Amino acid sequence: MPEPVSISSFRQRTGPYFTEAVHKHSPLAIRRGSEDLGLLLGGDEAWALLADRSFTPEVMRSDGSVSIWLPELAVYGQGATYAQAKADLLDDVRVYIDEYLANAAEYQRAPNRAAHLPHVIKAYLADLRGELERVIFPGPPGLPVARTDEVSAPARR
C-alpha cells in the first residue's frame, strides 16, 4: 500500500501528484504532521464512490403553484409552473452547496445536516460537470405531476 506523502512533498510536486490522482486515477494520501490526513482524488473516482447516491424530488401541485421538495438536502423550490419550481429548486441546491461547503466543519457535526454530505458532494460534482439537473431529475422531462388536492381511488380489478 502506498505511503502518504508529506504536505511539504505535495507542495513541491503538486503538478505531478495531481496528474497521478486525476489522469492516472491513482488516489494520493497526504499527511501533515501525525494527525492530519487528506486524500487527493480525481473527479471520476469521487463520482464512482457516490454512484449509489440518488435524489428523489417530490413534486406537489396546489392551486396556482408547484412545489418540489428534495429530502436528501432538505431544500425545496416553488413556482407558478413545474419549470419555475424546478429552476428554483436547482438554484436553492446551488445555494445550499455553497452554504454547506462554507460551513462544512459545523454542518458535519449538526444532527440535521451531517447525513447531507454525500449528496452535497454529488450535487457539487454534478454541477461542475454541467449535469445537476439530470442528476436530480433523471427521468424524462415533462412527466405528469399529481395534484396534492386530488385523491386517486385504488384501481378496481
Protein backbone atom coordinates (compact mmCIF):
# COMPACT_ATOMS: atom_id res chain seq x y z
CA MET A 1 0.00 0.00 0.00
CA PRO A 2 1.42 3.42 -0.92
CA GLU A 3 2.54 5.58 1.97
CA PRO A 4 1.04 9.06 2.33
CA VAL A 5 3.20 11.89 1.02
CA SER A 6 4.09 14.73 3.33
CA ILE A 7 2.44 18.08 2.83
CA SER A 8 5.90 19.52 2.10
CA SER A 9 6.47 17.00 -0.69
CA PHE A 10 2.99 17.68 -2.02
CA ARG A 11 3.69 21.43 -2.17
CA GLN A 12 6.88 20.80 -4.14
CA ARG A 13 5.31 18.35 -6.61
CA THR A 14 1.67 19.45 -6.85
CA GLY A 15 1.52 19.13 -10.66
CA PRO A 16 2.85 15.57 -10.89
CA TYR A 17 0.77 14.44 -7.91
CA PHE A 18 -2.35 15.98 -9.45
CA THR A 19 -1.63 14.16 -12.72
CA GLU A 20 -1.19 10.89 -10.82
CA ALA A 21 -4.50 11.29 -9.00
CA VAL A 22 -6.64 12.69 -11.80
CA HIS A 23 -5.24 11.42 -15.09
CA LYS A 24 -3.78 8.14 -13.88
CA HIS A 25 -6.70 7.51 -11.49
CA SER A 26 -4.44 6.84 -8.51
CA PRO A 27 -5.67 8.47 -5.25
CA LEU A 28 -2.98 10.11 -3.18
CA ALA A 29 -2.94 10.30 0.62
CA ILE A 30 -1.36 13.46 2.00
CA ARG A 31 -0.26 13.77 5.62
CA ARG A 32 0.52 16.88 7.64
CA GLY A 33 2.07 16.08 10.98
CA SER A 34 0.83 12.98 12.75
CA GLU A 35 -2.88 13.87 12.90
CA ASP A 36 -3.97 15.45 9.60
CA LEU A 37 -4.68 13.16 6.66
CA GLY A 38 -6.15 14.24 3.34
CA LEU A 39 -6.90 12.44 0.11
CA LEU A 40 -6.45 13.79 -3.40
CA LEU A 41 -8.98 12.04 -5.55
CA GLY A 42 -9.93 12.51 -9.18
CA GLY A 43 -13.43 13.65 -10.03
CA ASP A 44 -14.21 10.36 -11.80
CA GLU A 45 -13.26 8.37 -8.72
CA ALA A 46 -15.32 10.61 -6.45
CA TRP A 47 -18.24 10.25 -8.87
CA ALA A 48 -17.88 6.45 -8.76
CA LEU A 49 -17.85 6.48 -4.94
CA LEU A 50 -21.15 8.39 -4.97
CA ALA A 51 -22.81 6.31 -7.70
CA ASP A 52 -25.26 4.73 -5.26
CA ARG A 53 -26.50 8.14 -4.05
CA SER A 54 -29.60 9.36 -5.81
CA PHE A 55 -32.08 12.18 -5.41
CA THR A 56 -35.83 11.73 -5.04
CA PRO A 57 -37.58 15.03 -5.73
CA GLU A 58 -41.19 15.08 -4.56
CA VAL A 59 -43.47 17.26 -6.70
CA MET A 60 -46.67 18.73 -5.28
CA ARG A 61 -49.24 20.92 -7.02
CA SER A 62 -51.85 23.10 -5.48
CA ASP A 63 -53.97 25.86 -6.91
CA GLY A 64 -51.67 28.15 -8.84
CA SER A 65 -48.34 26.76 -7.67
CA VAL A 66 -45.94 23.87 -7.83
CA SER A 67 -43.52 22.88 -5.07
CA ILE A 68 -40.65 20.41 -5.31
CA TRP A 69 -39.14 19.02 -2.10
CA LEU A 70 -35.68 17.43 -2.18
CA PRO A 71 -35.42 15.38 1.02
CA GLU A 72 -31.75 14.44 0.58
CA LEU A 73 -30.74 18.08 1.13
CA ALA A 74 -33.89 19.34 2.87
CA VAL A 75 -34.45 22.10 0.29
CA TYR A 76 -37.40 22.96 -1.88
CA GLY A 77 -38.28 25.02 -4.89
CA GLN A 78 -41.55 26.60 -5.81
CA GLY A 79 -43.12 28.44 -8.71
CA ALA A 80 -46.27 29.01 -10.69
CA THR A 81 -45.26 26.20 -13.08
CA TYR A 82 -43.29 22.99 -12.85
CA ALA A 83 -40.45 24.57 -14.88
CA GLN A 84 -40.29 27.55 -12.50
CA ALA A 85 -40.33 25.29 -9.43
CA LYS A 86 -37.61 23.11 -10.94
CA ALA A 87 -35.40 26.13 -11.73
CA ASP A 88 -35.98 27.48 -8.21
CA LEU A 89 -35.03 24.12 -6.69
CA LEU A 90 -31.82 23.93 -8.74
CA ASP A 91 -30.92 27.47 -7.60
CA ASP A 92 -31.63 26.53 -3.98
CA VAL A 93 -29.48 23.40 -4.31
CA ARG A 94 -26.57 25.54 -5.54
CA VAL A 95 -27.04 27.97 -2.65
CA TYR A 96 -27.14 25.07 -0.18
CA ILE A 97 -23.96 23.53 -1.66
CA ASP A 98 -22.15 26.85 -1.17
CA GLU A 99 -23.52 27.23 2.34
CA TYR A 100 -22.69 23.64 3.33
CA LEU A 101 -19.13 23.76 1.99
CA ALA A 102 -18.50 27.16 3.60
CA ASN A 103 -19.62 25.73 6.96
CA ALA A 104 -18.53 22.11 6.45
CA ALA A 105 -16.98 21.51 9.87
CA GLU A 106 -20.08 22.80 11.64
CA TYR A 107 -22.61 21.15 9.32
CA GLN A 108 -20.92 17.74 9.51
CA ARG A 109 -21.45 17.81 13.28
CA ALA A 110 -25.07 19.00 13.08
CA PRO A 111 -27.56 16.15 13.54
CA ASN A 112 -29.92 17.54 10.90
CA ARG A 113 -27.18 18.14 8.28
CA ALA A 114 -24.41 15.58 8.78
CA ALA A 115 -26.04 12.98 6.51
CA HIS A 116 -26.27 15.53 3.68
CA LEU A 117 -22.53 15.41 2.94
CA PRO A 118 -22.50 12.66 0.27
CA HIS A 119 -25.42 14.27 -1.55
CA VAL A 120 -23.83 17.72 -1.28
CA ILE A 121 -20.64 16.37 -2.84
CA LYS A 122 -22.58 14.53 -5.56
CA ALA A 123 -24.61 17.67 -6.38
CA TYR A 124 -21.43 19.76 -6.35
CA LEU A 125 -19.65 17.41 -8.76
CA ALA A 126 -22.76 17.15 -10.93
CA ASP A 127 -22.97 20.94 -11.18
CA LEU A 128 -19.26 21.18 -12.06
CA ARG A 129 -19.91 18.62 -14.82
CA GLY A 130 -22.97 20.51 -16.07
CA GLU A 131 -25.23 17.63 -15.01
CA LEU A 132 -27.03 18.92 -11.92
CA GLU A 133 -30.48 18.95 -13.50
CA ARG A 134 -30.06 15.45 -14.98
CA VAL A 135 -28.79 14.05 -11.67
CA ILE A 136 -31.62 15.49 -9.58
CA PHE A 137 -34.31 14.91 -12.23
CA PRO A 138 -33.13 11.76 -14.04
CA GLY A 139 -36.50 10.88 -15.58
CA PRO A 140 -37.82 12.03 -18.91
CA PRO A 141 -38.81 15.71 -18.88
CA GLY A 142 -42.45 16.62 -18.79
CA LEU A 143 -43.74 13.73 -16.70
CA PRO A 144 -47.26 14.36 -15.42
CA VAL A 145 -47.42 15.64 -11.86
CA ALA A 146 -50.18 14.71 -9.42
CA ARG A 147 -52.08 17.48 -7.69
CA THR A 148 -51.97 17.41 -3.90
CA ASP A 149 -55.68 18.28 -3.76
CA GLU A 150 -56.60 15.26 -5.90
CA VAL A 151 -57.03 11.92 -4.25
CA SER A 152 -56.98 8.93 -6.54
CA ALA A 153 -59.01 5.88 -5.73
CA PRO A 154 -57.31 2.50 -5.96
CA ALA A 155 -57.82 0.82 -9.32
CA ARG A 156 -60.53 -1.83 -9.38
CA ARG A 157 -59.96 -5.16 -11.00
